[in-house]
């Protein structure tokens, strides 16, 4: 796509600059190893013991590795990276400990059992997704980790157990009373303030070499005449617009006033729902804006946000319930930190 073709989006939305993965630490500096700090903290390679499971530096590093590149890209200095990495390490260590305790809780009930077919299906999915069904690649991966097929089978089974137990806890907190929803709304109304918002459709007539304001305006007026005669703006956008959303009927979705350049916001937010603007002439071309829907600034009514509040309260209840459950498991389990 050319810059000219994507220009309307650039007019509406702020550009986000990319950050080189290792740029903030110097172009010639080698990428740091996420395991280095752990090796300094845990010289014997053991991070913790939970029940009969030894949690090693290698276990923690394996969990951190997929997250490290993003962590490094977001850090603005080595000091910030070190601090965020230490926080992530502590979180991962606690998660690994909790995993052992949760699996122990599952196995306490002799009636609970994960069928072998579930485990085999999960392994087959991993072979397909991670190793392209190439068993030699899979076996090489296990050798690199120093893991046997039997141990891997048990890991996958424990992944299933862990997911099942967490989901069961979440399901236990699913009912929120209307009174609680209304109380949350009344105590947190500022959270539900909405800016002016328009669901925008757009027709862009790109200025080509030799085009004048008059020629573009004449073409736009012909389009507007068809719109006023009853044709759908969406269909006209598919036929005439030169912007990136042409195939979607010029649909740019719901946008706030802050998403727009002033030349556009002055026009878009003077439109009523179902109304199209007069042709807007700019150096890059001619634009016709259409308000599919309009919402005005202010506190949203409770009926518009009731489902949102209910989801948030369920999340809060679920988090609190899971934390109480985990605290009980931690009190009753054996854990030793190094």
Protein backbone atom coordinates (compact mmCIF):
# COMPACT_ATOMS: atom_id res chain seq x y z
CA UNK A 1 0.00 0.00 0.00
CA UNK A 2 1.30 3.42 -0.87
CA UNK A 3 1.48 6.30 1.60
CA UNK A 4 -1.15 8.15 -0.39
CA UNK A 5 -3.54 5.19 -0.17
CA UNK A 6 -3.25 4.89 3.61
CA UNK A 7 -3.23 8.66 4.27
CA UNK A 8 -6.73 8.90 5.81
CA UNK A 9 -5.79 6.53 8.61
CA UNK A 10 -2.68 8.61 9.24
CA UNK A 11 -4.93 11.63 9.56
CA UNK A 12 -7.17 9.99 12.15
CA UNK A 13 -4.83 7.97 14.33
CA UNK A 14 -1.61 8.88 16.11
CA UNK A 15 1.50 7.19 14.76
CA UNK A 16 3.30 4.82 17.08
CA UNK A 17 7.07 4.68 16.68
CA UNK A 18 8.72 1.28 16.84
CA UNK A 19 11.57 0.66 19.28
CA UNK A 20 14.51 -1.50 18.21
CA UNK A 21 14.78 -4.58 20.40
CA UNK A 22 18.27 -3.84 21.68
CA UNK A 23 18.60 -0.24 20.54
CA UNK A 24 18.44 1.35 23.95
CA UNK A 25 21.48 -0.60 25.15
CA UNK A 26 23.83 0.27 22.31
CA UNK A 27 24.05 -1.14 18.78
CA UNK A 28 27.21 -3.15 19.45
CA UNK A 29 26.19 -4.53 22.81
CA UNK A 30 25.25 -8.24 22.72
CA UNK A 31 21.72 -9.14 23.84
CA UNK A 32 21.66 -9.91 27.57
CA UNK A 33 20.77 -13.42 28.66
CA UNK A 34 17.65 -13.59 30.89
CA UNK A 35 19.23 -16.48 32.82
CA UNK A 36 22.29 -14.48 33.93
CA UNK A 37 20.54 -12.67 36.79
CA UNK A 38 18.95 -15.93 37.96
CA UNK A 39 22.31 -17.67 38.01
CA UNK A 40 23.65 -14.87 40.20
CA UNK A 41 20.69 -15.13 42.58
CA UNK A 42 20.64 -18.93 42.72
CA UNK A 43 24.21 -20.15 42.46
CA UNK A 44 23.32 -23.83 42.90
CA UNK A 45 20.73 -23.69 40.10
CA UNK A 46 17.81 -24.39 42.47
CA UNK A 47 15.16 -21.69 42.87
CA UNK A 48 12.66 -23.41 45.16
CA UNK A 49 11.26 -26.74 46.28
CA UNK A 50 7.48 -27.23 46.25
CA UNK A 51 6.31 -30.54 47.71
CA UNK A 52 8.60 -33.08 45.98
CA UNK A 53 9.27 -30.88 42.93
CA UNK A 54 12.60 -29.05 42.54
CA UNK A 55 12.17 -25.80 40.59
CA UNK A 56 15.36 -24.89 38.78
CA UNK A 57 16.84 -21.86 37.08
CA UNK A 58 16.26 -23.66 33.79
CA UNK A 59 12.53 -24.01 34.59
CA UNK A 60 12.21 -20.27 35.26
CA UNK A 61 14.30 -19.29 32.23
CA UNK A 62 12.13 -21.43 29.95
CA UNK A 63 9.04 -19.52 31.13
CA UNK A 64 10.68 -16.10 30.83
CA UNK A 65 12.31 -16.60 27.43
CA UNK A 66 9.18 -15.95 25.28
CA UNK A 67 8.50 -12.70 27.21
CA UNK A 68 12.03 -11.36 27.41
CA UNK A 69 12.28 -9.73 24.01
CA UNK A 70 9.16 -7.61 24.60
CA UNK A 71 10.35 -6.76 28.11
CA UNK A 72 13.67 -5.61 26.73
CA UNK A 73 12.08 -3.57 23.96
CA UNK A 74 9.85 -1.72 26.44
CA UNK A 75 12.63 -0.94 28.95
CA UNK A 76 14.12 2.54 28.58
CA UNK A 77 17.35 1.75 30.44
CA UNK A 78 19.37 -1.15 31.77
CA UNK A 79 18.23 -0.27 35.31
CA UNK A 80 14.56 -0.45 34.31
CA UNK A 81 15.14 -3.74 32.49
CA UNK A 82 16.84 -5.23 35.57
CA UNK A 83 13.97 -4.13 37.82
CA UNK A 84 11.25 -5.42 35.51
CA UNK A 85 13.12 -8.66 34.93
CA UNK A 86 13.45 -9.23 38.70
CA UNK A 87 9.70 -8.66 39.11
CA UNK A 88 8.93 -11.06 36.28
CA UNK A 89 11.26 -13.68 37.75
CA UNK A 90 9.54 -13.51 41.13
CA UNK A 91 6.13 -13.80 39.46
CA UNK A 92 7.20 -16.81 37.39
CA UNK A 93 8.71 -18.54 40.43
CA UNK A 94 5.46 -18.08 42.37
CA UNK A 95 3.44 -19.35 39.40
CA UNK A 96 5.60 -22.48 39.15
CA UNK A 97 5.17 -23.12 42.88
CA UNK A 98 1.42 -22.60 42.65
CA UNK A 99 1.28 -24.98 39.70
CA UNK A 100 2.79 -27.77 41.83
CA UNK A 101 0.34 -27.09 44.67
CA UNK A 102 -2.66 -26.99 42.32
CA UNK A 103 -1.71 -30.30 40.70
CA UNK A 104 -1.27 -31.85 44.16
CA UNK A 105 -4.77 -30.65 45.07
CA UNK A 106 -6.17 -32.36 41.96
CA UNK A 107 -4.41 -35.65 42.67
CA UNK A 108 -5.72 -35.75 46.25
CA UNK A 109 -9.10 -36.78 44.84
CA UNK A 110 -8.65 -40.34 43.59
CA UNK A 111 -11.84 -40.05 41.54
CA UNK A 112 -10.31 -37.37 39.36
CA UNK A 113 -8.38 -38.58 36.34
CA UNK A 114 -7.27 -37.17 32.99
CA UNK A 115 -7.92 -39.76 30.26
CA UNK A 116 -4.81 -40.78 28.30
CA UNK A 117 -6.64 -39.86 25.09
CA UNK A 118 -6.78 -36.20 26.21
CA UNK A 119 -3.04 -36.18 26.80
CA UNK A 120 -2.26 -37.91 23.50
CA UNK A 121 -4.47 -35.45 21.61
CA UNK A 122 -2.73 -32.51 23.29
CA UNK A 123 0.69 -33.93 22.39
CA UNK A 124 -0.45 -34.44 18.79
CA UNK A 125 -1.54 -30.78 18.64
CA UNK A 126 1.87 -29.64 19.90
CA UNK A 127 3.64 -31.84 17.37
CA UNK A 128 1.58 -30.21 14.63
CA UNK A 129 1.82 -26.59 15.85
CA UNK A 130 5.41 -26.49 17.12
CA UNK A 131 7.21 -29.18 15.10
CA UNK A 132 5.24 -29.46 11.82
CA UNK A 133 4.50 -33.10 12.69
CA UNK A 134 8.23 -33.82 12.37
CA UNK A 135 8.97 -36.35 15.11
CA UNK A 136 12.73 -35.99 14.65
CA UNK A 137 12.46 -32.26 15.49
CA UNK A 138 10.34 -33.12 18.52
CA UNK A 139 12.86 -35.69 19.79
CA UNK A 140 15.72 -33.25 19.23
CA UNK A 141 13.81 -30.69 21.32
CA UNK A 142 13.41 -33.22 24.15
CA UNK A 143 17.11 -34.12 23.99
CA UNK A 144 18.04 -30.43 24.17
CA UNK A 145 15.97 -30.12 27.33
CA UNK A 146 17.22 -33.37 28.79
CA UNK A 147 13.60 -34.60 28.97
CA UNK A 148 12.29 -38.10 28.23
CA UNK A 149 9.06 -38.81 26.36
CA UNK A 150 7.55 -40.13 29.61
CA UNK A 151 8.45 -36.90 31.40
CA UNK A 152 7.04 -34.82 28.56
CA UNK A 153 3.82 -36.86 28.67
CA UNK A 154 3.54 -36.04 32.37
CA UNK A 155 4.20 -32.34 31.72
CA UNK A 156 1.37 -32.20 29.19
CA UNK A 157 -0.94 -34.03 31.58
CA UNK A 158 -0.09 -31.51 34.29
CA UNK A 159 -0.74 -28.62 31.88
CA UNK A 160 -4.24 -30.01 31.36
CA UNK A 161 -4.77 -30.46 35.10
CA UNK A 162 -3.55 -26.94 35.83
CA UNK A 163 -5.87 -25.40 33.22
CA UNK A 164 -8.82 -27.47 34.43
CA UNK A 165 -8.37 -26.54 38.10
CA UNK A 166 -8.00 -22.82 37.33
CA UNK A 167 -11.09 -22.86 35.12
CA UNK A 168 -13.12 -24.60 37.85
CA UNK A 169 -12.21 -21.83 40.27
CA UNK A 170 -13.23 -19.16 37.76
CA UNK A 171 -16.60 -20.82 37.18
CA UNK A 172 -17.39 -20.66 40.89
CA UNK A 173 -17.76 -16.85 40.69
CA UNK A 174 -20.28 -16.11 37.96
CA UNK A 175 -23.31 -14.44 39.57
CA UNK A 176 -23.42 -10.70 40.28
CA UNK A 177 -26.49 -9.10 41.84
CA UNK A 178 -28.14 -6.07 40.15
CA UNK A 179 -27.63 -4.10 43.37
CA UNK A 180 -23.89 -4.69 43.25
CA UNK A 181 -23.77 -3.57 39.61
CA UNK A 182 -25.66 -0.36 40.40
CA UNK A 183 -23.44 0.32 43.42
CA UNK A 184 -20.30 -0.08 41.32
CA UNK A 185 -21.76 2.24 38.66
CA UNK A 186 -22.68 4.95 41.16
CA UNK A 187 -19.27 4.79 42.86
CA UNK A 188 -17.28 4.80 39.61
CA UNK A 189 -19.22 7.02 37.22
CA UNK A 190 -16.07 8.80 36.07
CA UNK A 191 -14.93 5.52 34.49
CA UNK A 192 -17.92 5.64 32.17
CA UNK A 193 -17.38 9.09 30.72
CA UNK A 194 -17.47 8.93 26.95
CA UNK A 195 -16.01 11.43 24.52
CA UNK A 196 -17.95 12.50 21.47
CA UNK A 197 -17.96 9.47 19.20
CA UNK A 198 -18.92 8.89 15.60
CA UNK A 199 -19.13 5.67 13.63
CA UNK A 200 -17.58 6.99 10.44
CA UNK A 201 -17.74 6.01 6.82
CA UNK A 202 -15.58 7.85 4.32
CA UNK A 203 -15.21 8.39 0.60
CA UNK A 204 -11.80 9.64 -0.50
CA UNK A 205 -11.26 11.02 -3.97
CA UNK A 206 -7.50 11.04 -4.35
CA UNK A 207 -5.94 14.03 -6.07
CA UNK A 208 -4.14 12.74 -9.18
CA UNK A 209 -1.85 14.79 -11.42
CA UNK A 210 -3.91 17.40 -13.25
CA UNK A 211 -6.88 17.24 -10.85
CA UNK A 212 -8.15 20.58 -9.61
CA UNK A 213 -10.42 21.44 -6.71
CA UNK A 214 -13.18 22.05 -9.22
CA UNK A 215 -12.86 18.65 -10.92
CA UNK A 216 -12.77 16.81 -7.59
CA UNK A 217 -15.71 18.81 -6.26
CA UNK A 218 -17.73 18.05 -9.40
CA UNK A 219 -17.10 14.31 -8.96
CA UNK A 220 -18.01 14.56 -5.27
CA UNK A 221 -21.23 16.43 -6.09
CA UNK A 222 -22.24 13.66 -8.50
CA UNK A 223 -21.73 11.12 -5.73
CA UNK A 224 -23.73 13.24 -3.28
CA UNK A 225 -26.56 13.52 -5.79
CA UNK A 226 -26.79 9.72 -5.93
CA UNK A 227 -26.70 9.56 -2.12
CA UNK A 228 -29.52 12.10 -1.81
CA UNK A 229 -31.47 10.10 -4.37
CA UNK A 230 -31.47 7.15 -1.96
CA UNK A 231 -28.35 5.10 -2.70
CA UNK A 232 -26.50 3.73 0.30
CA UNK A 233 -23.32 5.55 1.25
CA UNK A 234 -21.67 2.16 1.83
CA UNK A 235 -22.31 1.12 -1.80
CA UNK A 236 -21.07 4.45 -3.13
CA UNK A 237 -17.86 4.12 -1.08
CA UNK A 238 -17.22 0.67 -2.54
CA UNK A 239 -17.62 2.12 -6.02
CA UNK A 240 -15.74 5.41 -5.73
CA UNK A 241 -13.50 5.65 -2.67
CA UNK A 242 -9.74 5.32 -3.08
CA UNK A 243 -8.97 4.78 0.61
CA UNK A 244 -7.85 1.60 2.38
CA UNK A 245 -11.38 0.76 3.58
CA UNK A 246 -13.03 0.86 0.20
CA UNK A 247 -13.89 -2.86 0.24
CA UNK A 248 -15.63 -2.34 3.60
CA UNK A 249 -17.78 0.45 2.32
CA UNK A 250 -15.43 3.12 3.68
CA UNK A 251 -16.07 1.93 7.23
CA UNK A 252 -13.53 3.35 9.73
CA UNK A 253 -15.45 2.16 12.77
CA UNK A 254 -16.13 4.16 15.92
CA UNK A 255 -13.79 7.10 16.41
CA UNK A 256 -13.46 9.70 19.15
CA UNK A 257 -12.86 13.39 18.62
CA UNK A 258 -9.27 12.93 19.81
CA UNK A 259 -8.67 10.42 16.98
CA UNK A 260 -9.15 13.06 14.30
CA UNK A 261 -7.18 15.85 12.77
CA UNK A 262 -9.04 19.12 13.37
CA UNK A 263 -10.10 19.57 9.73
CA UNK A 264 -11.95 16.26 9.97
CA UNK A 265 -13.31 16.56 13.52
CA UNK A 266 -14.91 19.94 12.78
CA UNK A 267 -16.89 18.26 10.00
CA UNK A 268 -17.52 14.79 11.46
CA UNK A 269 -18.90 15.99 14.78
CA UNK A 270 -21.35 18.41 13.17
CA UNK A 271 -23.05 15.49 11.42
CA UNK A 272 -26.19 13.77 12.68
CA UNK A 273 -26.59 10.02 12.42
CA UNK A 274 -27.32 9.09 8.80
CA UNK A 275 -26.03 12.40 7.45
CA UNK A 276 -23.20 12.95 4.94
CA UNK A 277 -20.97 16.01 4.80
CA UNK A 278 -20.44 18.43 1.97
CA UNK A 279 -17.22 17.70 0.03
CA UNK A 280 -14.17 18.53 2.16
CA UNK A 281 -11.26 19.81 0.06
CA UNK A 282 -7.74 19.19 1.36
CA UNK A 283 -4.34 19.17 -0.38
CA UNK A 284 -4.35 15.37 -0.60
CA UNK A 285 -7.81 15.11 -2.11
CA UNK A 286 -11.53 15.45 -1.58
CA UNK A 287 -13.38 13.69 1.25
CA UNK A 288 -17.02 12.97 2.00
CA UNK A 289 -17.76 11.93 5.58
CA UNK A 290 -20.82 9.97 6.68
CA UNK A 291 -22.00 9.46 10.28
CA UNK A 292 -23.32 5.92 10.59
CA UNK A 293 -24.01 6.55 14.28
CA UNK A 294 -23.41 9.39 16.76
CA UNK A 295 -22.87 9.33 20.50
CA UNK A 296 -22.36 12.47 22.52
CA UNK A 297 -19.94 13.24 25.32
CA UNK A 298 -21.07 12.47 28.86
CA UNK A 299 -21.55 9.68 31.39
CA UNK A 300 -22.92 6.59 29.68
CA UNK A 301 -26.28 5.38 31.04
CA UNK A 302 -26.06 2.29 33.26
CA UNK A 303 -27.96 0.16 30.72
CA UNK A 304 -25.18 0.76 28.17
CA UNK A 305 -22.44 -0.39 30.55
CA UNK A 306 -24.25 -3.00 32.66
CA UNK A 307 -22.63 -5.95 30.86
CA UNK A 308 -19.21 -4.29 31.09
CA UNK A 309 -19.62 -3.79 34.86
CA UNK A 310 -20.81 -7.35 35.34
CA UNK A 311 -17.75 -8.72 33.51
CA UNK A 312 -15.44 -6.54 35.61
CA UNK A 313 -17.06 -7.60 38.89
CA UNK A 314 -16.85 -11.26 37.88
CA UNK A 315 -13.15 -10.76 37.13
CA UNK A 316 -12.63 -9.13 40.52
CA UNK A 317 -14.55 -11.87 42.34
CA UNK A 318 -12.68 -14.54 40.40
CA UNK A 319 -9.29 -13.02 41.21
CA UNK A 320 -10.18 -12.67 44.90
CA UNK A 321 -11.58 -16.22 45.02
CA UNK A 322 -8.53 -17.69 43.30
CA UNK A 323 -6.18 -15.79 45.61
CA UNK A 324 -7.98 -17.15 48.69
CA UNK A 325 -7.80 -20.64 47.20
CA UNK A 326 -4.09 -20.29 46.42
CA UNK A 327 -3.34 -18.89 49.90
CA UNK A 328 -4.98 -21.99 51.40
CA UNK A 329 -2.93 -24.29 49.17
CA UNK A 330 0.26 -22.39 50.09
CA UNK A 331 -0.48 -22.65 53.82
CA UNK A 332 -1.13 -26.38 53.60
CA UNK A 333 1.72 -27.23 51.22
CA UNK A 334 5.45 -27.60 51.62
CA UNK A 335 7.43 -24.79 49.97
CA UNK A 336 11.07 -23.85 50.46
CA UNK A 337 12.56 -20.80 48.75
CA UNK A 338 16.29 -20.47 48.03
